[in-house]
Protein backbone atom coordinates (compact mmCIF):
# COMPACT_ATOMS: atom_id res chain seq x y z
CA MET A 1 0.03 0.24 0.03
CA GLU A 2 2.64 2.26 0.90
CA SER A 3 4.72 1.69 -2.28
CA ASN A 4 1.68 2.26 -4.26
CA ARG A 5 1.09 5.69 -2.58
CA ASN A 6 4.60 6.49 -3.27
CA LEU A 7 4.44 5.70 -7.05
CA GLU A 8 1.00 7.52 -7.27
CA LEU A 9 2.72 10.68 -5.75
CA LYS A 10 5.91 10.57 -7.84
CA THR A 11 3.65 10.11 -10.82
CA TYR A 12 1.36 13.00 -9.95
CA LEU A 13 4.55 15.41 -9.18
CA ILE A 14 5.81 14.27 -12.79
CA MET A 15 2.81 15.20 -14.49
CA ILE A 16 2.03 18.55 -12.56
CA SER A 17 5.61 19.55 -13.53
CA GLY A 18 5.20 18.66 -16.94
CA LEU A 19 1.85 20.73 -17.01
CA THR A 20 3.67 23.70 -15.35
CA LEU A 21 6.51 23.53 -18.14
CA LEU A 22 4.18 23.03 -21.05
CA THR A 23 1.81 26.12 -19.72
CA GLY A 24 4.96 28.12 -19.67
CA PHE A 25 5.99 27.08 -23.20
CA ASN A 26 2.76 27.78 -24.37
CA SER A 27 2.49 31.14 -23.04
CA PHE A 28 5.89 32.08 -24.38
CA ILE A 29 4.99 31.18 -28.12
CA SER A 30 1.81 33.17 -27.75
CA GLY A 31 3.39 36.17 -26.10
CA GLY A 32 1.91 35.39 -22.72
CA ASN A 33 -1.62 35.61 -23.51
CA GLN A 34 -2.85 32.29 -22.26
CA PHE A 35 -4.53 31.29 -19.05
CA ILE A 36 -5.89 33.59 -16.29
CA THR A 37 -3.22 36.53 -16.65
CA ASN A 38 -3.91 37.47 -20.33
CA SER A 39 -6.34 40.23 -18.83
CA LEU A 40 -3.86 41.79 -16.70
CA PRO A 41 -1.74 44.70 -17.79
CA LEU A 42 1.46 43.13 -17.10
CA PRO A 43 4.60 42.44 -19.35
CA ALA A 44 4.52 39.16 -21.32
CA VAL A 45 7.68 37.55 -19.33
CA LEU A 46 5.70 38.11 -16.19
CA GLN A 47 2.45 36.92 -17.31
CA ILE A 48 4.29 33.44 -18.36
CA VAL A 49 6.01 33.22 -14.97
CA LEU A 50 2.34 33.72 -13.01
CA ASN A 51 0.63 31.32 -15.49
CA MET A 52 3.50 28.65 -14.47
CA VAL A 53 3.05 29.60 -10.69
CA ILE A 54 -0.67 29.31 -10.67
CA VAL A 55 -0.85 25.85 -12.58
CA LEU A 56 1.88 24.60 -10.26
CA PHE A 57 0.32 25.63 -7.04
CA LEU A 58 -3.58 25.83 -7.76
CA TYR A 59 -3.88 22.89 -10.24
CA GLY A 60 -1.08 20.80 -7.88
CA LEU A 61 -3.24 21.35 -4.70
CA LEU A 62 -6.45 20.97 -6.16
CA GLY A 63 -5.26 17.62 -7.74
CA LEU A 64 -3.56 16.42 -4.40
CA TYR A 65 -6.85 17.32 -2.60
CA GLY A 66 -8.93 15.25 -5.09
CA ILE A 67 -6.87 12.37 -4.63
CA LYS A 68 -7.17 12.53 -0.69
CA ILE A 69 -11.03 12.81 -0.84
CA GLY A 70 -11.12 10.09 -3.56
CA ARG A 71 -9.42 7.83 -1.23
CA GLU A 72 -12.04 8.39 1.37
CA PHE A 73 -14.93 7.37 -1.06
CA LYS A 74 -12.54 4.36 -2.32
CA LEU A 75 -12.34 5.87 -5.77
CA PRO A 76 -9.33 5.01 -7.94
CA GLY A 77 -6.19 6.80 -7.95
CA ILE A 78 -3.54 7.87 -10.35
CA TRP A 79 -2.80 4.13 -11.43
CA PRO A 80 -5.13 1.19 -11.61
CA ASP A 81 -5.20 -1.07 -8.69
CA GLN A 82 -3.71 -4.06 -10.67
CA TYR A 83 -0.62 -3.92 -12.85
CA PRO A 84 -1.76 -2.33 -16.46
CA GLY A 85 -2.09 -4.70 -18.85
CA PHE A 86 -2.24 -4.16 -22.91
CA SER A 87 -6.04 -3.25 -22.61
CA TYR A 88 -5.27 -0.51 -20.29
CA TRP A 89 -3.23 1.34 -23.11
CA ILE A 90 -5.50 0.45 -26.11
CA GLU A 91 -8.80 1.02 -24.66
CA PRO A 92 -8.65 4.70 -24.17
CA ALA A 93 -6.85 5.14 -27.48
CA LEU A 94 -9.93 3.47 -29.17
CA LEU A 95 -12.47 5.53 -27.09
CA GLY A 96 -10.46 8.60 -28.03
CA PHE A 97 -10.52 7.79 -31.58
CA LEU A 98 -14.29 7.23 -31.38
CA LEU A 99 -14.83 10.67 -29.85
CA ALA A 100 -12.80 12.27 -32.40
CA ALA A 101 -15.07 10.65 -34.99
CA LEU A 102 -18.18 12.04 -33.12
CA TYR A 103 -16.50 15.44 -32.94
CA ILE A 104 -15.99 15.35 -36.72
CA PHE A 105 -19.33 14.28 -37.48
CA LEU A 106 -20.86 16.89 -35.44
CA ASP A 107 -18.75 19.52 -36.76
CA LEU A 108 -19.74 18.49 -40.14
CA SER A 109 -23.46 18.32 -39.30
CA PHE A 110 -23.76 21.73 -37.25
CA ALA A 111 -21.57 24.07 -39.15
CA PRO A 112 -24.21 24.80 -41.96
CA LEU A 113 -27.04 25.02 -39.36
CA HIS A 114 -25.28 27.65 -37.07
CA ASN A 115 -23.78 29.43 -39.87
CA LEU A 116 -20.42 29.88 -37.97
CA GLY A 117 -18.51 27.37 -40.00
CA TYR A 118 -16.15 24.67 -38.48
CA LEU A 119 -15.02 25.09 -34.82
CA PRO A 120 -11.73 27.25 -34.68
CA GLN A 121 -8.53 24.84 -34.21
CA PRO A 122 -5.05 25.85 -33.03
CA GLU A 123 -2.29 26.25 -35.16
CA MET A 124 0.85 24.09 -35.05
CA PRO A 125 2.88 23.97 -32.87
CA GLU A 126 0.51 25.31 -30.65
CA ALA A 127 -1.70 22.40 -31.42
CA ILE A 128 0.60 19.96 -30.02
CA LEU A 129 0.65 21.97 -26.81
CA VAL A 130 -2.84 22.27 -26.53
CA VAL A 131 -3.54 18.42 -26.80
CA LEU A 132 -1.10 17.73 -23.89
CA ILE A 133 -2.41 20.57 -21.86
CA SER A 134 -5.88 20.19 -22.22
CA ALA A 135 -5.57 16.48 -21.45
CA LEU A 136 -3.61 16.80 -18.17
CA SER A 137 -5.33 20.10 -16.96
CA GLY A 138 -8.87 19.00 -18.21
CA GLU A 139 -8.91 15.66 -16.40
CA LEU A 140 -7.16 17.04 -13.38
CA LEU A 141 -9.61 19.56 -12.63
CA PHE A 142 -13.00 18.17 -13.66
CA ARG A 143 -12.29 14.48 -12.92
CA LEU A 144 -9.61 14.09 -10.28
CA PHE A 145 -10.78 17.00 -8.43
CA LEU A 146 -14.35 17.80 -9.06
CA ILE A 147 -15.98 14.45 -8.90
CA PRO A 148 -14.53 13.63 -5.28
CA PHE A 149 -14.95 17.23 -4.21
CA GLY A 150 -18.83 17.18 -5.40
CA ALA A 151 -19.15 13.75 -3.21
CA TYR A 152 -17.60 15.41 -0.34
CA LEU A 153 -19.95 18.45 -0.47
CA ILE A 154 -23.10 16.10 -0.88
CA VAL A 155 -21.95 13.74 1.98
CA MET A 156 -21.23 17.01 4.00
CA LEU A 157 -24.88 18.23 3.29
CA TRP A 158 -26.25 14.62 3.84
CA ARG A 159 -24.80 14.33 7.17
CA LYS A 160 -25.99 17.76 8.35
CA PHE A 161 -29.48 17.53 7.24
CA GLY A 162 -30.12 13.76 6.89
CA GLY A 163 -28.24 12.37 9.71
CA ILE A 164 -26.15 9.61 7.77
CA GLY A 165 -22.88 8.17 9.11
CA LEU A 166 -19.29 8.10 7.67
CA GLU A 167 -19.51 4.44 6.85
CA THR A 168 -22.10 4.94 4.08
CA LYS A 169 -19.52 6.96 2.04
CA ASP A 170 -18.82 4.20 -0.20
CA ARG A 171 -22.32 3.41 -0.81
CA ILE A 172 -23.33 6.95 -1.58
CA ILE A 173 -20.53 7.38 -4.56
CA LYS A 174 -22.16 4.49 -6.19
CA ARG A 175 -25.48 6.45 -6.41
CA ILE A 176 -24.01 9.93 -7.18
CA PHE A 177 -21.07 9.19 -9.48
CA TRP A 178 -22.68 9.55 -12.66
CA PRO A 179 -24.58 12.51 -11.82
CA LEU A 180 -21.40 14.10 -10.64
CA ALA A 181 -19.70 12.95 -13.90
CA GLY A 182 -22.35 14.70 -15.94
CA ALA A 183 -22.26 17.74 -14.02
CA SER A 184 -18.32 18.10 -14.41
CA GLY A 185 -18.95 17.58 -18.12
CA VAL A 186 -21.32 20.53 -18.21
CA ILE A 187 -19.10 22.53 -16.08
CA TYR A 188 -16.20 21.63 -18.48
CA VAL A 189 -18.18 23.12 -21.49
CA LEU A 190 -19.25 26.19 -19.59
CA SER A 191 -15.33 26.84 -19.03
CA TYR A 192 -14.67 26.56 -22.70
CA LEU A 193 -17.22 29.10 -23.74
CA PRO A 194 -15.01 32.28 -22.96
CA ASN A 195 -12.36 31.07 -25.42
CA LEU A 196 -14.89 30.33 -27.84
CA VAL A 197 -16.49 33.80 -27.87
CA TYR A 198 -13.10 35.40 -28.24
CA SER A 199 -12.08 33.10 -31.22
CA TYR A 200 -15.23 34.12 -32.97
CA GLY A 201 -14.67 37.83 -32.34
CA GLY A 202 -17.64 38.17 -30.14
CA GLU A 203 -18.07 40.37 -26.77
CA SER A 204 -20.38 37.87 -24.96
CA LEU A 205 -21.97 34.41 -24.48
CA SER A 206 -24.98 36.18 -26.18
CA ASN A 207 -23.40 36.24 -29.36
CA LEU A 208 -23.06 32.38 -29.70
CA PRO A 209 -26.05 30.43 -31.24
CA GLY A 210 -27.95 27.94 -29.43
CA LEU A 211 -27.02 25.29 -31.78
CA LEU A 212 -23.41 25.88 -31.07
CA LEU A 213 -23.89 25.10 -27.51
CA VAL A 214 -25.85 22.02 -28.36
CA GLN A 215 -23.00 20.91 -30.41
CA LEU A 216 -20.42 21.65 -27.54
CA LEU A 217 -22.55 19.82 -24.94
CA LEU A 218 -22.70 16.83 -27.16
CA MET A 219 -19.18 16.71 -27.81
CA TYR A 220 -17.60 17.58 -24.55
CA GLY A 221 -20.42 15.89 -22.74
CA SER A 222 -19.43 12.69 -24.27
CA LEU A 223 -15.91 13.41 -23.38
CA GLY A 224 -16.81 13.81 -19.91
CA MET A 225 -18.86 10.67 -19.48
CA LEU A 226 -16.41 8.58 -21.17
CA ALA A 227 -13.25 10.13 -19.37
CA ALA A 228 -15.33 9.62 -16.03
CA TRP A 229 -15.96 6.04 -17.04
CA GLN A 230 -12.22 5.19 -17.60
CA TYR A 231 -11.43 7.24 -14.32
CA LYS A 232 -13.79 4.95 -12.60
CA ARG A 233 -12.62 1.73 -14.14
CA HIS A 234 -8.79 2.28 -14.52
CA GLY A 235 -7.66 5.55 -12.62
CA PHE A 236 -6.91 9.03 -13.55
CA LEU A 237 -4.11 8.05 -16.05
CA ALA A 238 -6.85 6.15 -18.08
CA ALA A 239 -8.92 9.33 -18.27
CA VAL A 240 -5.92 11.67 -19.44
CA GLN A 241 -5.23 9.12 -21.99
CA VAL A 242 -8.86 9.08 -23.35
CA HIS A 243 -8.69 13.05 -23.45
CA PHE A 244 -5.38 13.14 -25.17
CA TRP A 245 -6.23 10.84 -27.92
CA ALA A 246 -9.45 12.58 -28.63
CA ALA A 247 -7.67 15.91 -28.73
CA LEU A 248 -4.71 14.37 -30.74
CA PHE A 249 -7.34 13.08 -33.51
CA TRP A 250 -9.52 16.12 -33.45
CA HIS A 251 -7.12 19.02 -33.27
CA ILE A 252 -4.18 17.74 -35.17
CA GLY A 253 -5.95 14.88 -37.56
CA TRP A 254 -9.03 16.90 -38.17
CA GLY A 255 -7.78 20.40 -37.51
CA GLY A 256 -4.62 19.73 -39.50
CA MET A 257 -6.51 19.41 -42.91
CA PHE A 258 -7.55 23.03 -42.73
């Protein structure tokens, strides 16, 4: 048990360090206009440093807190309980490919309906960084942290108003896991909207047509549910793989064609 936790901690530290460096490099090639600091009147170099510090400490602490809470609910950690076999690596890749195929189908179907064309795609080499950063940061925040934290809040409220005991946590998570997974998927879509408004040159969410929002809910809602399924089934790294492969086929495969 202790050796598994040490491996989990080492793996997590490597991932959060890699995410920090990738964020800094992505901010560098875009002149600092990435993440939270793009609205601050600061020099580009200071924006890059602040982006990296925010990722290292904010994302890092949220992920560690999610791991801690997840253990209380007997949710998987970083790695699966058993030694990962061949299917552990193939299954997320296949799911990611299927998700990308769904994205392309929805993009082709909705583009003529909302008259905005295909969804905007990042250019190379930024696309490679977007794939890596979105897979790590998205799954860390919306699966590793948000699902356990949502369960913790629900249990806390149930204990306060319903009088349940601590021993029922493992039973409660079985009932609320999928509603929490769906909610995290919706929150992920909402977090994506400001960037989309900026990409289309709009000023507010009211500039986005309703059909575009439906498209995004179908796309990233599917990602959220499949990533949550892999997280529940094989652990956090499996969810990251699903997100990575879906983003790779979508941004570089499909996006590279335009």
